[in-house]
């Protein structure tokens, strides 16, 4: 696939430690100001982004996507923050896992805050309003209602929440069974045309490793790791199963490790028909136990240590996995202890749950609960 390139128009002189980037027309540029040009693992990368022309561009409320590219390996990390009146201030602690090298940091501004749009595909005709419950990763709860038009479409009000949140939709009248089937999308997660773009450069590692030369850099809206040409070779391979295709499309980083129990929710219906995720995994994984913690959450334990839970590769709070129904799961990877995702997690192993998405979505029952990624915390970890 041809990469969609946007020329950043920047030749970065890394030796100068250029920590502020301006476009040719300064009044219409984003200023990216870093606390310093060279960092060590364990340092805090303090970031200030300012867009002076936010009023004229009608960007009083916007989302700032921060993408960091390793110039050598082409690996990319993505963060996003609410931009209020043209400004974002944030800090990223650089973990020990981040490789040394030279980096480009880009800001792409998208109009509007986080907002969800959807369509109720299956409902009763009287369901012109539906309930929803939102639960954040810090266990804050909000219950509200949203209007549904004649074709089932609805738009929820803008939201500001960090990390992840669970959403559960239900009819106003309390039925014995939740019959709603909802298609949900978040425009900030979709492909978008940025209203403004800017890039700056920095390095991680010893100061002497900072390369003293010009670098021509073009920002690609496609993930750079997915690009590149194939070598001129002939490949003979067996047809891939659905779960193998899914894994190639949706697993990344440490989660690509095959040293795990892998359970297929696409090739057979055993998982979809199980009475619960906990029941299914207890039957399948030796040594994995289910317990109820002091907050009445259902948790997984391995060797008396809590398993770290991920949904679509985002870490969630204990108990959040119950919001995902077995029929909505495409694949589960259970990693034996230790799974060192961070310095404080993974000692009890990890369970990575992947939901059906894209071409792997089927019509196997109604869908009315979702776990969505929100904004990056303003004081977060880059890992």
Protein backbone atom coordinates (compact mmCIF):
# COMPACT_ATOMS: atom_id res chain seq x y z
CA UNK A 1 0.00 0.00 0.00
CA UNK A 2 1.35 3.41 -0.90
CA UNK A 3 2.00 5.43 2.20
CA UNK A 4 0.07 8.63 2.45
CA UNK A 5 2.86 11.14 3.01
CA UNK A 6 2.57 14.62 4.33
CA UNK A 7 5.76 16.56 3.86
CA UNK A 8 6.64 18.18 7.14
CA UNK A 9 8.94 20.58 5.32
CA UNK A 10 11.56 20.21 8.01
CA UNK A 11 15.27 19.46 7.81
CA UNK A 12 16.20 18.87 11.42
CA UNK A 13 19.71 19.76 12.53
CA UNK A 14 19.85 17.40 15.47
CA UNK A 15 23.25 18.58 16.71
CA UNK A 16 21.74 21.96 17.59
CA UNK A 17 19.23 20.34 19.90
CA UNK A 18 16.33 22.00 18.13
CA UNK A 19 13.58 21.67 20.74
CA UNK A 20 11.13 24.20 19.26
CA UNK A 21 9.76 23.84 15.73
CA UNK A 22 8.08 26.59 13.71
CA UNK A 23 6.66 26.54 10.21
CA UNK A 24 7.50 29.24 7.66
CA UNK A 25 4.35 31.19 8.53
CA UNK A 26 4.85 31.56 12.29
CA UNK A 27 1.31 32.89 12.90
CA UNK A 28 -0.18 29.65 11.60
CA UNK A 29 2.34 27.26 13.13
CA UNK A 30 2.31 24.90 16.06
CA UNK A 31 5.06 25.51 18.58
CA UNK A 32 6.46 22.28 20.04
CA UNK A 33 8.65 23.08 23.03
CA UNK A 34 10.57 20.29 24.77
CA UNK A 35 12.30 20.63 28.13
CA UNK A 36 15.66 19.66 26.58
CA UNK A 37 17.03 18.12 23.38
CA UNK A 38 18.70 15.02 24.89
CA UNK A 39 17.19 12.60 27.43
CA UNK A 40 18.20 9.47 29.31
CA UNK A 41 15.91 6.56 30.10
CA UNK A 42 14.19 7.45 33.37
CA UNK A 43 14.02 11.17 32.54
CA UNK A 44 10.76 13.05 32.12
CA UNK A 45 10.12 14.45 28.66
CA UNK A 46 8.20 17.65 29.40
CA UNK A 47 6.19 18.88 26.46
CA UNK A 48 4.39 22.13 25.68
CA UNK A 49 2.37 22.49 22.49
CA UNK A 50 0.87 25.84 21.54
CA UNK A 51 -1.14 26.82 18.47
CA UNK A 52 -1.65 30.63 18.41
CA UNK A 53 -4.08 30.59 15.48
CA UNK A 54 -6.64 28.33 17.23
CA UNK A 55 -9.40 30.99 17.24
CA UNK A 56 -9.25 31.70 13.50
CA UNK A 57 -9.14 27.99 12.77
CA UNK A 58 -12.08 27.35 15.12
CA UNK A 59 -10.01 25.01 17.25
CA UNK A 60 -10.87 26.31 20.70
CA UNK A 61 -11.65 22.69 21.60
CA UNK A 62 -9.38 20.23 19.83
CA UNK A 63 -7.47 16.98 20.19
CA UNK A 64 -3.68 16.98 19.92
CA UNK A 65 -2.27 13.71 18.60
CA UNK A 66 1.38 13.32 19.62
CA UNK A 67 3.30 10.78 17.55
CA UNK A 68 6.89 9.84 18.35
CA UNK A 69 8.92 8.09 15.62
CA UNK A 70 12.29 6.38 16.14
CA UNK A 71 14.24 7.57 13.12
CA UNK A 72 16.27 4.36 12.94
CA UNK A 73 13.81 1.55 13.58
CA UNK A 74 10.71 3.43 12.33
CA UNK A 75 8.82 2.34 15.46
CA UNK A 76 5.97 4.69 16.40
CA UNK A 77 4.30 5.54 19.71
CA UNK A 78 0.99 7.42 19.80
CA UNK A 79 -0.48 9.64 22.53
CA UNK A 80 -3.37 12.10 22.51
CA UNK A 81 -4.39 14.99 24.72
CA UNK A 82 -7.28 17.44 24.89
CA UNK A 83 -6.12 20.80 23.55
CA UNK A 84 -7.88 23.68 25.30
CA UNK A 85 -7.55 27.18 23.83
CA UNK A 86 -4.66 26.09 21.67
CA UNK A 87 -2.43 24.66 24.38
CA UNK A 88 -1.29 21.32 25.83
CA UNK A 89 1.19 20.76 28.65
CA UNK A 90 2.18 17.18 29.42
CA UNK A 91 5.02 14.99 30.67
CA UNK A 92 6.09 11.51 29.58
CA UNK A 93 8.43 9.52 31.80
CA UNK A 94 10.82 7.64 29.51
CA UNK A 95 10.87 3.99 30.57
CA UNK A 96 13.93 1.75 30.46
CA UNK A 97 12.32 -0.11 27.52
CA UNK A 98 12.70 2.87 25.17
CA UNK A 99 15.71 2.34 22.87
CA UNK A 100 18.40 4.96 22.54
CA UNK A 101 18.45 6.89 19.30
CA UNK A 102 17.13 9.91 17.46
CA UNK A 103 13.42 10.70 17.42
CA UNK A 104 10.90 12.90 15.66
CA UNK A 105 7.97 14.14 17.74
CA UNK A 106 4.97 15.38 15.76
CA UNK A 107 1.77 17.12 16.77
CA UNK A 108 -1.33 16.67 14.61
CA UNK A 109 -4.33 18.77 15.62
CA UNK A 110 -7.82 17.41 15.09
CA UNK A 111 -10.92 19.54 15.60
CA UNK A 112 -13.10 18.72 18.60
CA UNK A 113 -12.87 16.67 21.76
CA UNK A 114 -13.42 12.93 22.13
CA UNK A 115 -16.94 12.14 20.97
CA UNK A 116 -18.79 8.94 20.20
CA UNK A 117 -21.25 8.36 17.39
CA UNK A 118 -23.28 5.26 16.84
CA UNK A 119 -26.26 3.50 15.38
CA UNK A 120 -28.67 1.15 17.12
CA UNK A 121 -28.96 -1.69 14.61
CA UNK A 122 -31.47 -3.71 16.63
CA UNK A 123 -34.02 -2.10 18.96
CA UNK A 124 -37.70 -1.72 19.70
CA UNK A 125 -39.47 1.08 17.85
CA UNK A 126 -40.26 2.77 21.15
CA UNK A 127 -36.55 3.09 21.95
CA UNK A 128 -36.14 6.73 20.94
CA UNK A 129 -33.91 7.24 23.98
CA UNK A 130 -31.47 4.71 25.44
CA UNK A 131 -29.48 4.56 28.67
CA UNK A 132 -25.74 4.34 28.89
CA UNK A 133 -23.42 3.76 31.81
CA UNK A 134 -19.81 4.91 31.72
CA UNK A 135 -17.17 3.56 34.09
CA UNK A 136 -13.63 4.96 33.96
CA UNK A 137 -10.42 3.10 34.80
CA UNK A 138 -10.40 4.99 38.12
CA UNK A 139 -13.85 3.47 38.84
CA UNK A 140 -15.76 6.74 38.49
CA UNK A 141 -19.28 6.12 37.27
CA UNK A 142 -21.64 8.20 35.15
CA UNK A 143 -25.14 7.27 33.99
CA UNK A 144 -26.91 9.27 31.29
CA UNK A 145 -29.24 9.01 28.29
CA UNK A 146 -28.88 9.73 24.60
CA UNK A 147 -31.52 10.39 21.94
CA UNK A 148 -31.82 8.06 18.96
CA UNK A 149 -33.25 9.29 15.65
CA UNK A 150 -35.65 7.44 13.35
CA UNK A 151 -32.80 5.56 11.64
CA UNK A 152 -31.16 4.61 14.92
CA UNK A 153 -28.31 7.15 14.80
CA UNK A 154 -27.10 8.99 17.88
CA UNK A 155 -24.25 11.33 18.87
CA UNK A 156 -23.00 11.53 22.42
CA UNK A 157 -21.73 14.71 24.02
CA UNK A 158 -17.96 15.40 24.04
CA UNK A 159 -16.10 13.58 26.81
CA UNK A 160 -12.80 14.03 28.59
CA UNK A 161 -11.52 10.87 30.23
CA UNK A 162 -8.07 9.38 30.61
CA UNK A 163 -6.83 5.87 29.87
CA UNK A 164 -9.86 3.61 29.25
CA UNK A 165 -13.57 3.59 30.04
CA UNK A 166 -16.30 0.97 29.82
CA UNK A 167 -19.63 1.83 28.21
CA UNK A 168 -22.80 -0.19 28.64
CA UNK A 169 -25.98 0.62 26.69
CA UNK A 170 -29.46 -0.56 27.64
CA UNK A 171 -33.13 0.22 26.90
CA UNK A 172 -34.98 2.72 29.10
CA UNK A 173 -37.45 0.04 30.09
CA UNK A 174 -35.78 -2.82 31.98
CA UNK A 175 -36.23 -5.96 29.85
CA UNK A 176 -35.32 -9.47 30.94
CA UNK A 177 -32.69 -9.50 28.20
CA UNK A 178 -30.72 -6.64 26.69
CA UNK A 179 -31.70 -6.83 23.01
CA UNK A 180 -29.82 -3.77 21.72
CA UNK A 181 -27.23 -4.19 18.96
CA UNK A 182 -25.09 -1.08 18.58
CA UNK A 183 -22.46 -0.01 16.08
CA UNK A 184 -20.16 2.50 17.78
CA UNK A 185 -17.35 4.63 16.42
CA UNK A 186 -15.04 7.32 17.79
CA UNK A 187 -13.87 9.85 15.16
CA UNK A 188 -10.61 10.51 17.05
CA UNK A 189 -9.67 6.86 16.43
CA UNK A 190 -10.51 7.04 12.73
CA UNK A 191 -8.47 8.28 9.80
CA UNK A 192 -8.54 12.06 9.77
CA UNK A 193 -7.13 15.08 7.95
CA UNK A 194 -5.14 17.15 10.51
CA UNK A 195 -5.98 20.85 10.75
CA UNK A 196 -2.32 21.61 11.48
CA UNK A 197 0.94 19.64 11.79
CA UNK A 198 4.38 20.32 13.22
CA UNK A 199 7.47 18.24 14.03
CA UNK A 200 10.50 18.66 16.29
CA UNK A 201 13.49 16.40 17.05
CA UNK A 202 15.22 15.03 20.13
CA UNK A 203 17.30 12.05 21.20
CA UNK A 204 17.37 9.43 23.93
CA UNK A 205 20.77 8.24 25.14
CA UNK A 206 24.13 9.69 26.05
CA UNK A 207 24.69 13.26 24.74
CA UNK A 208 27.62 12.09 22.62
CA UNK A 209 25.31 9.79 20.66
CA UNK A 210 23.33 12.75 19.24
CA UNK A 211 24.00 12.65 15.50
CA UNK A 212 25.63 15.78 14.08
CA UNK A 213 24.07 15.93 10.64
CA UNK A 214 20.97 17.03 8.74
CA UNK A 215 18.04 14.65 8.51
CA UNK A 216 15.25 15.00 5.98
CA UNK A 217 12.04 13.73 7.54
CA UNK A 218 8.54 13.35 6.16
CA UNK A 219 5.66 12.50 8.46
CA UNK A 220 3.56 9.58 7.25
CA UNK A 221 -0.05 9.25 8.39
CA UNK A 222 0.31 5.49 7.93
CA UNK A 223 2.19 3.58 10.62
CA UNK A 224 5.78 3.40 9.30
CA UNK A 225 6.26 -0.17 10.53
CA UNK A 226 3.54 -1.31 8.11
CA UNK A 227 5.19 0.23 5.05
CA UNK A 228 8.13 -0.79 2.89
CA UNK A 229 8.61 -3.00 -0.13
CA UNK A 230 8.94 -6.75 -0.03
CA UNK A 231 12.22 -8.27 -1.23
CA UNK A 232 12.23 -9.95 -4.62
CA UNK A 233 11.72 -13.53 -3.42
CA UNK A 234 9.18 -16.27 -4.00
CA UNK A 235 7.22 -17.25 -0.90
CA UNK A 236 5.42 -20.56 -0.46
CA UNK A 237 2.99 -20.65 2.46
CA UNK A 238 -0.07 -22.42 3.70
CA UNK A 239 -3.35 -20.52 3.83
CA UNK A 240 -3.63 -18.64 7.11
CA UNK A 241 -6.45 -19.25 9.53
CA UNK A 242 -8.69 -16.37 10.55
CA UNK A 243 -7.05 -16.09 13.95
CA UNK A 244 -3.59 -15.98 12.34
CA UNK A 245 -4.75 -13.18 10.03
CA UNK A 246 -6.24 -11.37 13.00
CA UNK A 247 -3.01 -11.71 15.01
CA UNK A 248 -0.96 -10.29 12.14
CA UNK A 249 -3.29 -7.29 11.88
CA UNK A 250 -3.91 -6.44 15.52
CA UNK A 251 -1.02 -7.65 17.73
CA UNK A 252 2.07 -5.54 18.34
CA UNK A 253 5.16 -5.23 20.50
CA UNK A 254 5.43 -7.64 23.42
CA UNK A 255 2.05 -9.12 22.52
CA UNK A 256 3.49 -10.71 19.38
CA UNK A 257 5.28 -13.21 21.62
CA UNK A 258 3.95 -16.67 20.79
CA UNK A 259 5.04 -18.10 24.16
CA UNK A 260 1.43 -18.04 25.28
CA UNK A 261 -1.78 -20.05 25.33
CA UNK A 262 -3.76 -18.84 22.30
CA UNK A 263 -7.53 -19.31 22.16
CA UNK A 264 -9.43 -18.86 18.92
CA UNK A 265 -12.78 -17.06 18.98
CA UNK A 266 -13.03 -16.89 15.19
CA UNK A 267 -12.46 -20.43 13.97
CA UNK A 268 -14.95 -22.18 16.26
CA UNK A 269 -17.83 -21.28 18.55
CA UNK A 270 -16.64 -22.92 21.77
CA UNK A 271 -15.62 -19.58 23.30
CA UNK A 272 -18.74 -17.78 22.05
CA UNK A 273 -21.01 -20.39 23.64
CA UNK A 274 -19.21 -20.52 27.00
CA UNK A 275 -21.15 -19.24 30.01
CA UNK A 276 -18.42 -16.73 30.95
CA UNK A 277 -14.85 -15.79 30.15
CA UNK A 278 -13.70 -16.84 33.63
CA UNK A 279 -15.33 -20.26 33.33
CA UNK A 280 -13.79 -20.83 29.90
CA UNK A 281 -10.24 -19.90 30.89
CA UNK A 282 -10.34 -21.89 34.13
CA UNK A 283 -11.11 -25.01 32.08
CA UNK A 284 -8.33 -24.32 29.58
CA UNK A 285 -5.34 -22.90 31.49
CA UNK A 286 -3.66 -25.04 34.17
CA UNK A 287 -2.91 -23.10 37.34
CA UNK A 288 -5.13 -20.13 36.47
CA UNK A 289 -7.65 -19.32 39.21
CA UNK A 290 -10.56 -16.91 39.51
CA UNK A 291 -11.17 -15.00 42.76
CA UNK A 292 -13.31 -12.12 44.03
CA UNK A 293 -11.35 -9.19 45.46
CA UNK A 294 -12.31 -6.77 48.25
CA UNK A 295 -14.02 -4.46 45.73
CA UNK A 296 -16.18 -7.37 44.51
CA UNK A 297 -14.30 -7.56 41.20
CA UNK A 298 -13.69 -10.85 39.44
CA UNK A 299 -9.91 -11.23 39.15
CA UNK A 300 -7.54 -13.82 37.71
CA UNK A 301 -4.64 -15.18 39.74
CA UNK A 302 -1.64 -17.27 38.83
CA UNK A 303 0.64 -18.50 41.64
CA UNK A 304 -1.37 -16.25 43.98
CA UNK A 305 -0.31 -13.20 41.97
CA UNK A 306 -2.82 -11.06 40.10
CA UNK A 307 -2.79 -11.41 36.32
CA UNK A 308 -2.53 -8.18 34.38
CA UNK A 309 -5.52 -7.80 32.05
CA UNK A 310 -5.36 -6.16 28.62
CA UNK A 311 -8.24 -5.54 26.25
CA UNK A 312 -7.11 -4.76 22.71
CA UNK A 313 -3.63 -4.23 24.19
CA UNK A 314 -4.78 -1.55 26.65
CA UNK A 315 -4.31 -2.37 30.31
CA UNK A 316 -7.59 -2.29 32.25
CA UNK A 317 -8.58 -2.44 35.89
CA UNK A 318 -9.37 -5.82 37.54
CA UNK A 319 -12.94 -6.80 36.72
CA UNK A 320 -13.18 -4.72 33.53
CA UNK A 321 -12.93 -7.91 31.46
CA UNK A 322 -16.47 -8.82 32.49
CA UNK A 323 -17.74 -6.02 30.23
CA UNK A 324 -16.65 -8.05 27.19
CA UNK A 325 -18.96 -10.91 26.25
CA UNK A 326 -17.38 -14.19 25.08
CA UNK A 327 -19.17 -13.92 21.72
CA UNK A 328 -17.40 -10.59 21.05
CA UNK A 329 -13.89 -12.02 21.55
CA UNK A 330 -11.73 -12.80 18.51
CA UNK A 331 -8.68 -14.13 20.32
CA UNK A 332 -7.20 -14.54 23.81
CA UNK A 333 -3.48 -14.79 24.56
CA UNK A 334 -2.59 -15.97 28.07
CA UNK A 335 1.06 -15.29 28.97
CA UNK A 336 2.71 -17.32 31.69
CA UNK A 337 4.43 -15.46 34.54
CA UNK A 338 6.35 -13.31 34.28
CA UNK A 339 5.07 -11.02 31.54
CA UNK A 340 7.12 -7.88 32.16
CA UNK A 341 4.92 -5.24 30.54
CA UNK A 342 6.10 -2.61 33.05
CA UNK A 343 8.07 -2.44 36.30
CA UNK A 344 4.92 -2.92 38.39
CA UNK A 345 2.87 -5.42 36.38
CA UNK A 346 3.11 -8.87 34.88
CA UNK A 347 4.48 -10.87 37.82
CA UNK A 348 1.32 -12.97 37.78
CA UNK A 349 1.28 -13.33 34.02
CA UNK A 350 -1.08 -11.54 31.68
CA UNK A 351 -4.29 -12.14 29.78
CA UNK A 352 -4.67 -10.24 26.50
CA UNK A 353 -8.24 -10.18 25.20
CA UNK A 354 -8.83 -9.11 21.61
CA UNK A 355 -12.30 -8.06 20.46
CA UNK A 356 -13.73 -8.68 17.01
CA UNK A 357 -13.16 -5.74 14.70
CA UNK A 358 -12.86 -4.85 11.05
CA UNK A 359 -13.56 -7.74 8.69
CA UNK A 360 -13.61 -10.12 11.67
CA UNK A 361 -16.87 -8.71 13.07
CA UNK A 362 -19.82 -11.07 12.69
CA UNK A 363 -23.49 -10.98 13.57
CA UNK A 364 -23.16 -13.41 16.45
CA UNK A 365 -25.61 -11.73 18.79
CA UNK A 366 -26.23 -8.21 20.05
CA UNK A 367 -23.43 -5.92 21.14
CA UNK A 368 -24.10 -3.27 23.76
CA UNK A 369 -20.91 -3.03 25.86
CA UNK A 370 -17.61 -1.51 24.82
CA UNK A 371 -14.22 -0.62 26.30
CA UNK A 372 -12.72 2.47 24.67
CA UNK A 373 -9.40 4.25 24.93
CA UNK A 374 -9.60 7.88 26.02
CA UNK A 375 -6.93 10.55 26.38
CA UNK A 376 -3.38 10.01 27.60
CA UNK A 377 -2.81 11.07 31.21
CA UNK A 378 -0.92 14.38 31.40
CA UNK A 379 1.69 12.69 33.59
CA UNK A 380 2.16 9.32 31.91
CA UNK A 381 4.84 6.77 31.00
CA UNK A 382 6.32 6.29 27.56
CA UNK A 383 7.01 2.59 27.22
